[in-house]
Structures are given as structure tokens and as C-alpha cells.
Amino acid sequence: MPLSRLYSIIDAGCFPNTNEMFAAAQDLAAAGSTLLQYRNKSGNARRMLEDARELRSRLGARVKLIMNDRADLCLAAGLDGLHVGQDDLLPESARRIIGSDRWLGVSTHNPEQLAEADKTSADYLAIGPIFATSSKQNPDPVVGLEGVRRARELTRKPLVAIGGITRANARSVIEAGADAVAVISDLLLDPRKSAEEFLRTLG
């Protein structure tokens, strides 16, 4: 499964209104980001579905769009995949809902969770937080670059690193064994320029 080095995450909670969120997503795509996750931890289902469909419409087929948490909305909006966390649907339950053609990603936070997720039909695994992060209210313990190296030893699936990743440290995360870096905060200010710099750094 070819995974873009930059995994952009659009978190609805980071934007004052949906128009700014849509504009940021379009800027990321214009910069060359081809993998984007829509994340909304507090929205109602109807609004999330509307947002997801609007993102699909604006970004078109050139961007792989992943829905966070909600398998039902992933299907209803016609997105390309689903990402689930440790407290969401079990990977195999999610797979039964979304089918075999859509991507499925699973978040993990330690070697035990990663080894368990590796046995599932997930297409890629995420490990984190790599560094301290402000994107979660109650983040799991930081795993550091050593956590990436350990995760790389435990799976042959594509590995996405997340948590506190910036343009300054992204290259070190790839060198530690990650296939891609997932970024929220360091894409918020001038998304197009930020994404272009990430993509240059990641090669």
C-alpha cells in the first residue's frame, strides 16, 4: 500500500468555522498533500457527514480522504478509508462495515497494542505520541523515536507516526523507521506553505 510521507489531519476543532477548514484542506491539496484525515471529536453526525461530503467534493479523487472513528459516515460520505483508535470499533468490526476496498488504519500507543493491531486486517498502523502533543486533552505517554524503532521491528505494515511532529523533527521520525508522519498543529498556520515545507523535508 503506497502511503504518502505526509499524512495531513484536518481537525474540525482547530478551526473557527467550516469555511476556514475547507480552505485549509484545499491549500494542503494544492501543496501536494495526497492523504488527508477528517477528524471531528465533538460534532454531531449530520454535520460531520455534511463536512465529509463537502471535503470529498472539493478535493476530488486526487486526495485519499480518511474518516476518523465513524465507519458509518465513512461509507455515507464515500470516503476512501477509516481510522480507528483504541476506544473505537475493533478493527475487524470496522472492516466488516467498510469492506475490503477501503483503507483501514489503527492507532496504537505501545508495543503490545501495535503487535495486536498487526494481526488484524488494518492496512496501516499508527504509533504515538512520538513527542509531546497539544492535540489531545489526555494524551498517552510519549514513546519517542525509540518507540518508532521498536514499532518498526514489530510490523511490516506501513507505519504512521503521530504526536508533536513538526517540520523541525519530521525527518528524524522517518529515519527512525516511520513510513509517514501525521500532522495536525504544524499545518495550521499557512497550510499550503507548511505542507510544501514538510514535503520538501520528507523527500
N, C-alpha and C. Protein backbone atom coordinates (compact mmCIF):
# COMPACT_ATOMS: atom_id res chain seq x y z
N MET A 1 0.84 -1.20 0.00
CA MET A 1 0.00 0.00 0.00
C MET A 1 0.88 1.25 0.00
N PRO A 2 0.85 2.03 -1.07
CA PRO A 2 1.68 3.25 -1.11
C PRO A 2 1.11 4.32 -0.19
N LEU A 3 1.92 4.75 0.75
CA LEU A 3 1.47 5.73 1.75
C LEU A 3 2.26 7.01 1.57
N SER A 4 1.55 8.12 1.40
CA SER A 4 2.22 9.42 1.29
C SER A 4 3.02 9.70 2.57
N ARG A 5 4.21 10.28 2.41
CA ARG A 5 5.04 10.60 3.58
C ARG A 5 4.35 11.56 4.54
N LEU A 6 3.53 12.46 3.98
CA LEU A 6 2.80 13.42 4.82
C LEU A 6 1.34 13.00 4.92
N TYR A 7 0.90 12.75 6.14
CA TYR A 7 -0.48 12.38 6.41
C TYR A 7 -1.11 13.58 7.13
N SER A 8 -1.80 14.39 6.38
CA SER A 8 -2.39 15.62 6.92
C SER A 8 -3.68 15.30 7.66
N ILE A 9 -3.85 15.89 8.84
CA ILE A 9 -5.09 15.70 9.59
C ILE A 9 -5.78 17.04 9.76
N ILE A 10 -7.00 17.10 9.28
CA ILE A 10 -7.85 18.28 9.45
C ILE A 10 -8.76 18.03 10.65
N ASP A 11 -8.50 18.73 11.74
CA ASP A 11 -9.28 18.58 12.96
C ASP A 11 -10.26 19.74 13.04
N ALA A 12 -11.55 19.43 12.97
CA ALA A 12 -12.58 20.47 12.95
C ALA A 12 -12.48 21.39 14.16
N GLY A 13 -12.00 20.86 15.28
CA GLY A 13 -11.90 21.67 16.49
C GLY A 13 -10.83 22.75 16.43
N CYS A 14 -9.98 22.71 15.42
CA CYS A 14 -8.91 23.70 15.29
C CYS A 14 -9.31 24.90 14.44
N PHE A 15 -10.53 24.89 13.91
CA PHE A 15 -10.95 25.96 13.01
C PHE A 15 -12.19 26.67 13.55
N PRO A 16 -12.22 28.01 13.44
CA PRO A 16 -13.37 28.75 13.95
C PRO A 16 -14.65 28.51 13.16
N ASN A 17 -14.51 28.12 11.89
CA ASN A 17 -15.70 27.82 11.09
C ASN A 17 -15.34 26.84 9.97
N THR A 18 -16.36 26.25 9.38
CA THR A 18 -16.12 25.21 8.37
C THR A 18 -15.48 25.77 7.11
N ASN A 19 -15.79 27.01 6.75
CA ASN A 19 -15.18 27.56 5.53
C ASN A 19 -13.66 27.63 5.65
N GLU A 20 -13.18 27.99 6.84
CA GLU A 20 -11.72 28.01 7.04
C GLU A 20 -11.14 26.60 6.98
N MET A 21 -11.89 25.64 7.50
CA MET A 21 -11.45 24.25 7.44
C MET A 21 -11.36 23.76 6.00
N PHE A 22 -12.39 24.06 5.21
CA PHE A 22 -12.38 23.64 3.81
C PHE A 22 -11.23 24.31 3.05
N ALA A 23 -11.02 25.59 3.32
CA ALA A 23 -9.94 26.32 2.65
C ALA A 23 -8.58 25.72 2.99
N ALA A 24 -8.40 25.35 4.27
CA ALA A 24 -7.14 24.74 4.69
C ALA A 24 -6.93 23.41 3.97
N ALA A 25 -7.98 22.62 3.86
CA ALA A 25 -7.88 21.33 3.18
C ALA A 25 -7.50 21.52 1.71
N GLN A 26 -8.09 22.53 1.07
CA GLN A 26 -7.76 22.80 -0.33
C GLN A 26 -6.32 23.29 -0.48
N ASP A 27 -5.87 24.09 0.49
CA ASP A 27 -4.47 24.54 0.47
C ASP A 27 -3.51 23.36 0.60
N LEU A 28 -3.84 22.43 1.49
CA LEU A 28 -2.99 21.25 1.68
C LEU A 28 -2.92 20.43 0.40
N ALA A 29 -4.06 20.26 -0.26
CA ALA A 29 -4.08 19.51 -1.52
C ALA A 29 -3.29 20.24 -2.60
N ALA A 30 -3.43 21.56 -2.64
CA ALA A 30 -2.70 22.35 -3.65
C ALA A 30 -1.20 22.25 -3.45
N ALA A 31 -0.78 22.04 -2.20
CA ALA A 31 0.65 21.92 -1.90
C ALA A 31 1.20 20.55 -2.29
N GLY A 32 0.29 19.59 -2.52
CA GLY A 32 0.74 18.26 -2.90
C GLY A 32 0.44 17.18 -1.88
N SER A 33 -0.28 17.52 -0.82
CA SER A 33 -0.66 16.52 0.18
C SER A 33 -1.78 15.65 -0.41
N THR A 34 -1.55 14.35 -0.49
CA THR A 34 -2.49 13.45 -1.14
C THR A 34 -3.18 12.49 -0.18
N LEU A 35 -2.94 12.66 1.12
CA LEU A 35 -3.57 11.81 2.13
C LEU A 35 -4.03 12.71 3.27
N LEU A 36 -5.33 12.72 3.52
CA LEU A 36 -5.91 13.65 4.48
C LEU A 36 -6.98 12.96 5.31
N GLN A 37 -6.92 13.17 6.62
CA GLN A 37 -7.93 12.62 7.53
C GLN A 37 -8.83 13.74 8.05
N TYR A 38 -10.13 13.48 8.03
CA TYR A 38 -11.09 14.39 8.63
C TYR A 38 -11.40 13.90 10.05
N ARG A 39 -11.12 14.76 11.02
CA ARG A 39 -11.26 14.41 12.43
C ARG A 39 -12.20 15.41 13.10
N ASN A 40 -13.22 14.89 13.76
CA ASN A 40 -14.15 15.76 14.48
C ASN A 40 -14.63 15.00 15.72
N LYS A 41 -14.11 15.40 16.87
CA LYS A 41 -14.40 14.68 18.11
C LYS A 41 -15.64 15.19 18.83
N SER A 42 -16.21 16.29 18.36
CA SER A 42 -17.34 16.86 19.10
C SER A 42 -18.55 17.19 18.24
N GLY A 43 -18.47 16.98 16.93
CA GLY A 43 -19.58 17.34 16.06
C GLY A 43 -20.68 16.29 16.07
N ASN A 44 -21.89 16.70 15.67
CA ASN A 44 -22.96 15.72 15.55
C ASN A 44 -22.86 15.03 14.19
N ALA A 45 -23.50 13.90 14.07
CA ALA A 45 -23.33 13.05 12.89
C ALA A 45 -23.75 13.76 11.61
N ARG A 46 -24.84 14.51 11.66
CA ARG A 46 -25.32 15.18 10.45
C ARG A 46 -24.30 16.20 9.94
N ARG A 47 -23.75 16.97 10.88
CA ARG A 47 -22.77 17.98 10.48
C ARG A 47 -21.49 17.33 9.97
N MET A 48 -21.06 16.26 10.62
CA MET A 48 -19.86 15.56 10.19
C MET A 48 -20.04 14.99 8.78
N LEU A 49 -21.20 14.46 8.51
CA LEU A 49 -21.47 13.91 7.18
C LEU A 49 -21.45 15.01 6.13
N GLU A 50 -22.07 16.14 6.45
CA GLU A 50 -22.06 17.27 5.50
C GLU A 50 -20.63 17.74 5.23
N ASP A 51 -19.83 17.86 6.30
CA ASP A 51 -18.44 18.30 6.14
C ASP A 51 -17.64 17.31 5.30
N ALA A 52 -17.82 16.03 5.59
CA ALA A 52 -17.07 15.00 4.87
C ALA A 52 -17.43 14.99 3.39
N ARG A 53 -18.71 15.15 3.09
CA ARG A 53 -19.13 15.19 1.69
C ARG A 53 -18.60 16.42 0.99
N GLU A 54 -18.56 17.54 1.70
CA GLU A 54 -18.02 18.78 1.12
C GLU A 54 -16.53 18.63 0.84
N LEU A 55 -15.81 18.02 1.76
CA LEU A 55 -14.38 17.77 1.55
C LEU A 55 -14.17 16.88 0.33
N ARG A 56 -14.98 15.83 0.24
CA ARG A 56 -14.89 14.93 -0.91
C ARG A 56 -15.13 15.68 -2.21
N SER A 57 -16.13 16.54 -2.21
CA SER A 57 -16.48 17.30 -3.41
C SER A 57 -15.36 18.27 -3.79
N ARG A 58 -14.81 18.96 -2.80
CA ARG A 58 -13.80 19.98 -3.09
C ARG A 58 -12.45 19.39 -3.47
N LEU A 59 -12.09 18.28 -2.88
CA LEU A 59 -10.75 17.73 -3.09
C LEU A 59 -10.68 16.73 -4.23
N GLY A 60 -11.81 16.12 -4.56
CA GLY A 60 -11.82 15.21 -5.69
C GLY A 60 -11.03 13.94 -5.43
N ALA A 61 -10.78 13.20 -6.50
CA ALA A 61 -10.19 11.87 -6.39
C ALA A 61 -8.69 11.90 -6.14
N ARG A 62 -8.05 13.06 -6.33
CA ARG A 62 -6.58 13.08 -6.20
C ARG A 62 -6.11 12.97 -4.75
N VAL A 63 -7.02 13.21 -3.81
CA VAL A 63 -6.68 13.11 -2.38
C VAL A 63 -7.40 11.93 -1.77
N LYS A 64 -6.65 11.06 -1.08
CA LYS A 64 -7.28 9.98 -0.32
C LYS A 64 -7.81 10.57 0.98
N LEU A 65 -9.11 10.44 1.19
CA LEU A 65 -9.76 11.01 2.36
C LEU A 65 -10.12 9.91 3.36
N ILE A 66 -9.66 10.09 4.59
CA ILE A 66 -9.89 9.11 5.64
C ILE A 66 -10.80 9.72 6.71
N MET A 67 -11.79 8.97 7.13
CA MET A 67 -12.68 9.40 8.20
C MET A 67 -12.16 8.90 9.54
N ASN A 68 -12.13 9.75 10.54
CA ASN A 68 -11.72 9.35 11.88
C ASN A 68 -12.92 8.78 12.62
N ASP A 69 -12.78 7.59 13.17
CA ASP A 69 -13.72 6.95 14.09
C ASP A 69 -14.99 6.37 13.47
N ARG A 70 -15.66 7.12 12.59
CA ARG A 70 -17.03 6.79 12.21
C ARG A 70 -17.12 5.99 10.91
N ALA A 71 -17.27 4.66 11.05
CA ALA A 71 -17.38 3.80 9.87
C ALA A 71 -18.63 4.11 9.06
N ASP A 72 -19.73 4.41 9.74
CA ASP A 72 -20.98 4.70 9.04
C ASP A 72 -20.86 5.94 8.17
N LEU A 73 -20.22 6.98 8.71
CA LEU A 73 -20.07 8.22 7.96
C LEU A 73 -19.03 8.08 6.84
N CYS A 74 -18.05 7.25 7.06
CA CYS A 74 -17.07 6.95 6.01
C CYS A 74 -17.79 6.43 4.78
N LEU A 75 -18.69 5.49 4.98
CA LEU A 75 -19.45 4.91 3.86
C LEU A 75 -20.41 5.94 3.26
N ALA A 76 -21.16 6.62 4.13
CA ALA A 76 -22.18 7.55 3.65
C ALA A 76 -21.59 8.70 2.85
N ALA A 77 -20.37 9.12 3.21
CA ALA A 77 -19.73 10.25 2.51
C ALA A 77 -18.88 9.80 1.33
N GLY A 78 -18.73 8.49 1.17
CA GLY A 78 -17.92 7.98 0.07
C GLY A 78 -16.44 8.26 0.23
N LEU A 79 -15.95 8.21 1.48
CA LEU A 79 -14.52 8.45 1.71
C LEU A 79 -13.72 7.17 1.43
N ASP A 80 -12.39 7.34 1.41
CA ASP A 80 -11.51 6.27 0.96
C ASP A 80 -11.05 5.33 2.06
N GLY A 81 -11.31 5.71 3.32
CA GLY A 81 -10.84 4.86 4.39
C GLY A 81 -11.31 5.34 5.75
N LEU A 82 -10.95 4.56 6.76
CA LEU A 82 -11.37 4.81 8.13
C LEU A 82 -10.18 4.63 9.05
N HIS A 83 -10.09 5.49 10.07
CA HIS A 83 -9.05 5.35 11.08
C HIS A 83 -9.71 5.20 12.44
N VAL A 84 -9.35 4.14 13.17
CA VAL A 84 -9.95 3.89 14.48
C VAL A 84 -8.88 3.90 15.56
N GLY A 85 -9.30 4.32 16.76
CA GLY A 85 -8.41 4.34 17.92
C GLY A 85 -8.67 3.15 18.82
N GLN A 86 -7.98 3.12 19.93
CA GLN A 86 -8.10 2.01 20.87
C GLN A 86 -9.48 1.95 21.53
N ASP A 87 -10.20 3.07 21.58
CA ASP A 87 -11.51 3.09 22.22
C ASP A 87 -12.66 3.10 21.23
N ASP A 88 -12.34 2.91 19.95
CA ASP A 88 -13.36 2.92 18.91
C ASP A 88 -13.73 1.49 18.53
N LEU A 89 -14.37 1.33 17.39
CA LEU A 89 -14.69 0.00 16.89
C LEU A 89 -13.44 -0.87 16.80
N LEU A 90 -13.59 -2.15 17.09
CA LEU A 90 -12.48 -3.07 16.87
C LEU A 90 -12.17 -3.12 15.37
N PRO A 91 -10.91 -3.27 15.00
CA PRO A 91 -10.55 -3.26 13.58
C PRO A 91 -11.38 -4.21 12.72
N GLU A 92 -11.61 -5.43 13.20
CA GLU A 92 -12.34 -6.38 12.36
C GLU A 92 -13.83 -6.00 12.24
N SER A 93 -14.37 -5.39 13.29
CA SER A 93 -15.75 -4.89 13.19
C SER A 93 -15.82 -3.76 12.17
N ALA A 94 -14.83 -2.87 12.23
CA ALA A 94 -14.78 -1.77 11.26
C ALA A 94 -14.62 -2.31 9.84
N ARG A 95 -13.78 -3.31 9.69
CA ARG A 95 -13.55 -3.88 8.35
C ARG A 95 -14.83 -4.46 7.78
N ARG A 96 -15.62 -5.12 8.62
CA ARG A 96 -16.88 -5.68 8.12
C ARG A 96 -17.82 -4.60 7.61
N ILE A 97 -17.75 -3.43 8.22
CA ILE A 97 -18.62 -2.33 7.80
C ILE A 97 -18.12 -1.67 6.52
N ILE A 98 -16.82 -1.36 6.46
CA ILE A 98 -16.31 -0.58 5.33
C ILE A 98 -15.92 -1.44 4.14
N GLY A 99 -15.80 -2.75 4.32
CA GLY A 99 -15.45 -3.63 3.22
C GLY A 99 -13.95 -3.71 2.98
N SER A 100 -13.57 -4.43 1.96
CA SER A 100 -12.16 -4.71 1.71
C SER A 100 -11.47 -3.67 0.85
N ASP A 101 -12.24 -2.82 0.17
CA ASP A 101 -11.64 -1.87 -0.77
C ASP A 101 -11.16 -0.59 -0.11
N ARG A 102 -11.70 -0.25 1.05
CA ARG A 102 -11.29 0.99 1.72
C ARG A 102 -10.13 0.73 2.67
N TRP A 103 -9.31 1.74 2.86
CA TRP A 103 -8.19 1.64 3.79
C TRP A 103 -8.69 1.64 5.23
N LEU A 104 -7.98 0.90 6.07
CA LEU A 104 -8.27 0.89 7.50
C LEU A 104 -6.98 1.11 8.26
N GLY A 105 -6.98 2.13 9.13
CA GLY A 105 -5.83 2.42 9.97
C GLY A 105 -6.20 2.27 11.43
N VAL A 106 -5.21 1.91 12.25
CA VAL A 106 -5.45 1.70 13.68
C VAL A 106 -4.39 2.44 14.49
N SER A 107 -4.84 3.22 15.49
CA SER A 107 -3.91 3.91 16.40
C SER A 107 -3.42 2.95 17.47
N THR A 108 -2.11 3.02 17.77
CA THR A 108 -1.54 2.25 18.88
C THR A 108 -0.61 3.16 19.67
N HIS A 109 -0.36 2.78 20.92
CA HIS A 109 0.42 3.64 21.80
C HIS A 109 1.54 2.91 22.55
N ASN A 110 1.67 1.62 22.30
CA ASN A 110 2.74 0.85 22.93
C ASN A 110 2.97 -0.42 22.13
N PRO A 111 4.06 -1.14 22.39
CA PRO A 111 4.37 -2.34 21.61
C PRO A 111 3.28 -3.41 21.66
N GLU A 112 2.62 -3.55 22.82
CA GLU A 112 1.59 -4.57 22.95
C GLU A 112 0.40 -4.27 22.04
N GLN A 113 -0.04 -3.02 22.04
CA GLN A 113 -1.16 -2.64 21.17
C GLN A 113 -0.78 -2.78 19.70
N LEU A 114 0.44 -2.40 19.37
CA LEU A 114 0.87 -2.48 17.98
C LEU A 114 0.94 -3.93 17.52
N ALA A 115 1.49 -4.81 18.34
CA ALA A 115 1.58 -6.22 17.97
C ALA A 115 0.19 -6.82 17.78
N GLU A 116 -0.76 -6.39 18.60
CA GLU A 116 -2.14 -6.87 18.47
C GLU A 116 -2.77 -6.36 17.18
N ALA A 117 -2.57 -5.08 16.90
CA ALA A 117 -3.14 -4.48 15.69
C ALA A 117 -2.52 -5.08 14.43
N ASP A 118 -1.28 -5.51 14.54
CA ASP A 118 -0.60 -6.10 13.39
C ASP A 118 -1.27 -7.38 12.92
N LYS A 119 -1.98 -8.05 13.82
CA LYS A 119 -2.65 -9.31 13.48
C LYS A 119 -3.98 -9.08 12.75
N THR A 120 -4.44 -7.85 12.72
CA THR A 120 -5.73 -7.53 12.12
C THR A 120 -5.59 -7.25 10.63
N SER A 121 -6.70 -6.93 9.99
CA SER A 121 -6.69 -6.61 8.56
C SER A 121 -6.39 -5.14 8.30
N ALA A 122 -5.91 -4.41 9.32
CA ALA A 122 -5.57 -2.99 9.12
C ALA A 122 -4.55 -2.84 8.00
N ASP A 123 -4.72 -1.81 7.20
CA ASP A 123 -3.80 -1.54 6.09
C ASP A 123 -2.55 -0.80 6.56
N TYR A 124 -2.71 0.02 7.61
CA TYR A 124 -1.56 0.70 8.19
C TYR A 124 -1.78 0.85 9.68
N LEU A 125 -0.68 1.03 10.41
CA LEU A 125 -0.74 1.20 11.86
C LEU A 125 -0.12 2.54 12.23
N ALA A 126 -0.72 3.20 13.22
CA ALA A 126 -0.17 4.45 13.72
C ALA A 126 0.42 4.23 15.10
N ILE A 127 1.52 4.90 15.38
CA ILE A 127 2.16 4.82 16.69
C ILE A 127 2.38 6.23 17.22
N GLY A 128 2.11 6.45 18.51
CA GLY A 128 2.31 7.77 19.07
C GLY A 128 1.74 7.86 20.48
N PRO A 129 1.87 9.00 21.11
CA PRO A 129 2.52 10.20 20.57
C PRO A 129 4.05 10.07 20.58
N ILE A 130 4.66 10.52 19.48
CA ILE A 130 6.12 10.45 19.39
C ILE A 130 6.75 11.51 20.30
N PHE A 131 6.21 12.72 20.22
CA PHE A 131 6.66 13.82 21.07
C PHE A 131 5.45 14.36 21.83
N ALA A 132 5.68 15.26 22.75
CA ALA A 132 4.57 15.88 23.49
C ALA A 132 3.64 16.57 22.50
N THR A 133 2.34 16.43 22.73
CA THR A 133 1.36 16.96 21.79
C THR A 133 0.29 17.76 22.52
N SER A 134 -0.24 18.76 21.83
CA SER A 134 -1.32 19.57 22.40
C SER A 134 -2.66 19.26 21.74
N SER A 135 -2.67 18.27 20.84
CA SER A 135 -3.89 17.98 20.07
C SER A 135 -4.86 17.07 20.81
N LYS A 136 -4.43 16.49 21.93
CA LYS A 136 -5.32 15.64 22.72
C LYS A 136 -5.36 16.13 24.15
N GLN A 137 -6.54 16.04 24.76
CA GLN A 137 -6.69 16.51 26.14
C GLN A 137 -5.96 15.60 27.13
N ASN A 138 -6.05 14.29 26.89
CA ASN A 138 -5.39 13.32 27.78
C ASN A 138 -4.52 12.37 26.96
N PRO A 139 -3.38 12.87 26.48
CA PRO A 139 -2.55 12.03 25.60
C PRO A 139 -1.92 10.86 26.33
N ASP A 140 -1.64 9.81 25.56
CA ASP A 140 -0.92 8.67 26.10
C ASP A 140 0.54 9.07 26.32
N PRO A 141 1.30 8.26 27.08
CA PRO A 141 2.71 8.59 27.32
C PRO A 141 3.51 8.68 26.02
N VAL A 142 4.42 9.65 25.98
CA VAL A 142 5.27 9.84 24.80
C VAL A 142 6.13 8.60 24.59
N VAL A 143 6.23 8.15 23.32
CA VAL A 143 7.03 6.95 23.02
C VAL A 143 8.41 7.30 22.47
N GLY A 144 8.56 8.52 21.92
CA GLY A 144 9.86 8.94 21.41
C GLY A 144 10.28 8.21 20.15
N LEU A 145 11.46 8.56 19.66
CA LEU A 145 11.98 7.92 18.45
C LEU A 145 12.25 6.44 18.68
N GLU A 146 12.59 6.09 19.93
CA GLU A 146 12.83 4.68 20.23
C GLU A 146 11.54 3.87 20.07
N GLY A 147 10.41 4.51 20.37
CA GLY A 147 9.13 3.85 20.17
C GLY A 147 8.85 3.57 18.71
N VAL A 148 9.30 4.49 17.84
CA VAL A 148 9.16 4.28 16.38
C VAL A 148 10.03 3.10 15.95
N ARG A 149 11.26 3.07 16.43
CA ARG A 149 12.18 1.98 16.06
C ARG A 149 11.62 0.62 16.50
N ARG A 150 11.09 0.59 17.71
CA ARG A 150 10.51 -0.65 18.23
C ARG A 150 9.29 -1.06 17.41
N ALA A 151 8.45 -0.10 17.07
CA ALA A 151 7.27 -0.39 16.26
C ALA A 151 7.67 -0.94 14.90
N ARG A 152 8.73 -0.38 14.35
CA ARG A 152 9.19 -0.83 13.02
C ARG A 152 9.62 -2.29 13.07
N GLU A 153 10.18 -2.71 14.18
CA GLU A 153 10.61 -4.10 14.34
C GLU A 153 9.43 -5.06 14.44
N LEU A 154 8.28 -4.53 14.87
CA LEU A 154 7.13 -5.39 15.18
C LEU A 154 6.14 -5.55 14.03
N THR A 155 6.29 -4.77 12.97
CA THR A 155 5.32 -4.87 11.88
C THR A 155 5.96 -4.61 10.53
N ARG A 156 5.39 -5.24 9.52
CA ARG A 156 5.76 -4.95 8.14
C ARG A 156 4.72 -4.06 7.47
N LYS A 157 3.65 -3.79 8.19
CA LYS A 157 2.63 -2.89 7.64
C LYS A 157 3.18 -1.46 7.60
N PRO A 158 2.65 -0.63 6.71
CA PRO A 158 3.05 0.78 6.72
C PRO A 158 2.81 1.40 8.10
N LEU A 159 3.79 2.20 8.53
CA LEU A 159 3.78 2.75 9.89
C LEU A 159 3.68 4.28 9.84
N VAL A 160 2.66 4.79 10.51
CA VAL A 160 2.43 6.24 10.58
C VAL A 160 2.77 6.71 11.99
N ALA A 161 3.64 7.70 12.09
CA ALA A 161 3.99 8.28 13.40
C ALA A 161 3.16 9.53 13.61
N ILE A 162 2.69 9.73 14.85
CA ILE A 162 1.86 10.89 15.14
C ILE A 162 2.18 11.42 16.54
N GLY A 163 1.97 12.72 16.71
CA GLY A 163 2.13 13.33 18.03
C GLY A 163 3.31 14.27 18.10
N GLY A 164 3.05 15.57 18.07
CA GLY A 164 4.09 16.56 18.25
C GLY A 164 5.10 16.65 17.10
N ILE A 165 4.72 16.17 15.93
CA ILE A 165 5.67 16.16 14.80
C ILE A 165 5.61 17.51 14.08
N THR A 166 6.79 18.07 13.86
CA THR A 166 6.92 19.38 13.22
C THR A 166 7.89 19.27 12.05
N ARG A 167 8.00 20.37 11.31
CA ARG A 167 8.97 20.39 10.20
C ARG A 167 10.39 20.20 10.73
N ALA A 168 10.62 20.59 11.97
CA ALA A 168 11.97 20.50 12.54
C ALA A 168 12.37 19.08 12.91
N ASN A 169 11.39 18.25 13.27
CA ASN A 169 11.75 16.90 13.72
C ASN A 169 11.24 15.77 12.81
N ALA A 170 10.51 16.12 11.77
CA ALA A 170 9.86 15.10 10.93
C ALA A 170 10.85 14.13 10.30
N ARG A 171 11.99 14.68 9.84
CA ARG A 171 12.96 13.83 9.15
C ARG A 171 13.50 12.75 10.10
N SER A 172 13.71 13.11 11.36
CA SER A 172 14.24 12.14 12.33
C SER A 172 13.25 11.01 12.56
N VAL A 173 11.96 11.30 12.43
CA VAL A 173 10.93 10.28 12.64
C VAL A 173 10.95 9.28 11.48
N ILE A 174 11.09 9.79 10.27
CA ILE A 174 11.20 8.91 9.10
C ILE A 174 12.46 8.05 9.20
N GLU A 175 13.55 8.67 9.61
CA GLU A 175 14.82 7.94 9.73
C GLU A 175 14.75 6.86 10.81
N ALA A 176 13.86 7.04 11.79
CA ALA A 176 13.69 6.04 12.85
C ALA A 176 12.86 4.85 12.38
N GLY A 177 12.22 4.97 11.20
CA GLY A 177 11.50 3.82 10.66
C GLY A 177 10.07 4.06 10.24
N ALA A 178 9.53 5.25 10.47
CA ALA A 178 8.15 5.52 10.07
C ALA A 178 8.07 5.69 8.54
N ASP A 179 6.97 5.25 7.97
CA ASP A 179 6.73 5.46 6.54
C ASP A 179 6.11 6.82 6.27
N ALA A 180 5.40 7.34 7.28
CA ALA A 180 4.70 8.61 7.12
C ALA A 180 4.60 9.30 8.47
N VAL A 181 4.41 10.63 8.43
CA VAL A 181 4.16 11.40 9.65
C VAL A 181 2.78 12.03 9.56
N ALA A 182 1.99 11.87 10.61
CA ALA A 182 0.68 12.50 10.69
C ALA A 182 0.82 13.81 11.45
N VAL A 183 0.27 14.87 10.87
CA VAL A 183 0.49 16.21 11.43
C VAL A 183 -0.84 16.96 11.52
N ILE A 184 -1.04 17.61 12.65
CA ILE A 184 -2.20 18.49 12.84
C ILE A 184 -1.72 19.93 13.04
N SER A 185 -1.09 20.19 14.19
CA SER A 185 -0.79 21.57 14.61
C SER A 185 0.14 22.32 13.68
N ASP A 186 1.19 21.65 13.18
CA ASP A 186 2.19 22.37 12.39
C ASP A 186 1.75 22.60 10.95
N LEU A 187 0.49 22.28 10.64
CA LEU A 187 -0.07 22.60 9.33
C LEU A 187 -1.09 23.73 9.41
N LEU A 188 -1.39 24.19 10.62
CA LEU A 188 -2.48 25.16 10.79
C LEU A 188 -2.14 26.56 10.29
N LEU A 189 -0.90 26.99 10.53
CA LEU A 189 -0.51 28.34 10.12
C LEU A 189 0.00 28.29 8.69
N ASP A 190 -0.72 28.93 7.78
CA ASP A 190 -0.36 28.92 6.36
C ASP A 190 -0.23 27.48 5.85
N PRO A 191 -1.36 26.75 5.76
CA PRO A 191 -1.33 25.32 5.44
C PRO A 191 -0.56 24.98 4.16
N ARG A 192 -0.73 25.79 3.12
CA ARG A 192 -0.07 25.44 1.86
C ARG A 192 1.45 25.51 2.00
N LYS A 193 1.95 26.61 2.55
CA LYS A 193 3.39 26.77 2.73
C LYS A 193 3.94 25.70 3.67
N SER A 194 3.22 25.43 4.76
CA SER A 194 3.66 24.43 5.73
C SER A 194 3.76 23.05 5.09
N ALA A 195 2.73 22.68 4.33
CA ALA A 195 2.73 21.36 3.68
C ALA A 195 3.86 21.25 2.66
N GLU A 196 4.08 22.33 1.90
CA GLU A 196 5.18 22.31 0.93
C GLU A 196 6.51 22.09 1.62
N GLU A 197 6.70 22.73 2.76
CA GLU A 197 7.95 22.57 3.50
C GLU A 197 8.08 21.16 4.08
N PHE A 198 6.98 20.60 4.57
CA PHE A 198 7.00 19.22 5.05
C PHE A 198 7.41 18.28 3.91
N LEU A 199 6.78 18.45 2.77
CA LEU A 199 7.02 17.54 1.66
C LEU A 199 8.46 17.64 1.16
N ARG A 200 9.03 18.85 1.18
CA ARG A 200 10.44 19.01 0.81
C ARG A 200 11.34 18.31 1.83
N THR A 201 11.01 18.48 3.11
CA THR A 201 11.81 17.87 4.18
C THR A 201 11.77 16.35 4.13
N LEU A 202 10.60 15.82 3.81
CA LEU A 202 10.40 14.38 3.84
C LEU A 202 10.91 13.68 2.58
N GLY A 203 11.07 14.44 1.51
CA GLY A 203 11.63 13.89 0.28
C GLY A 203 10.69 12.98 -0.49
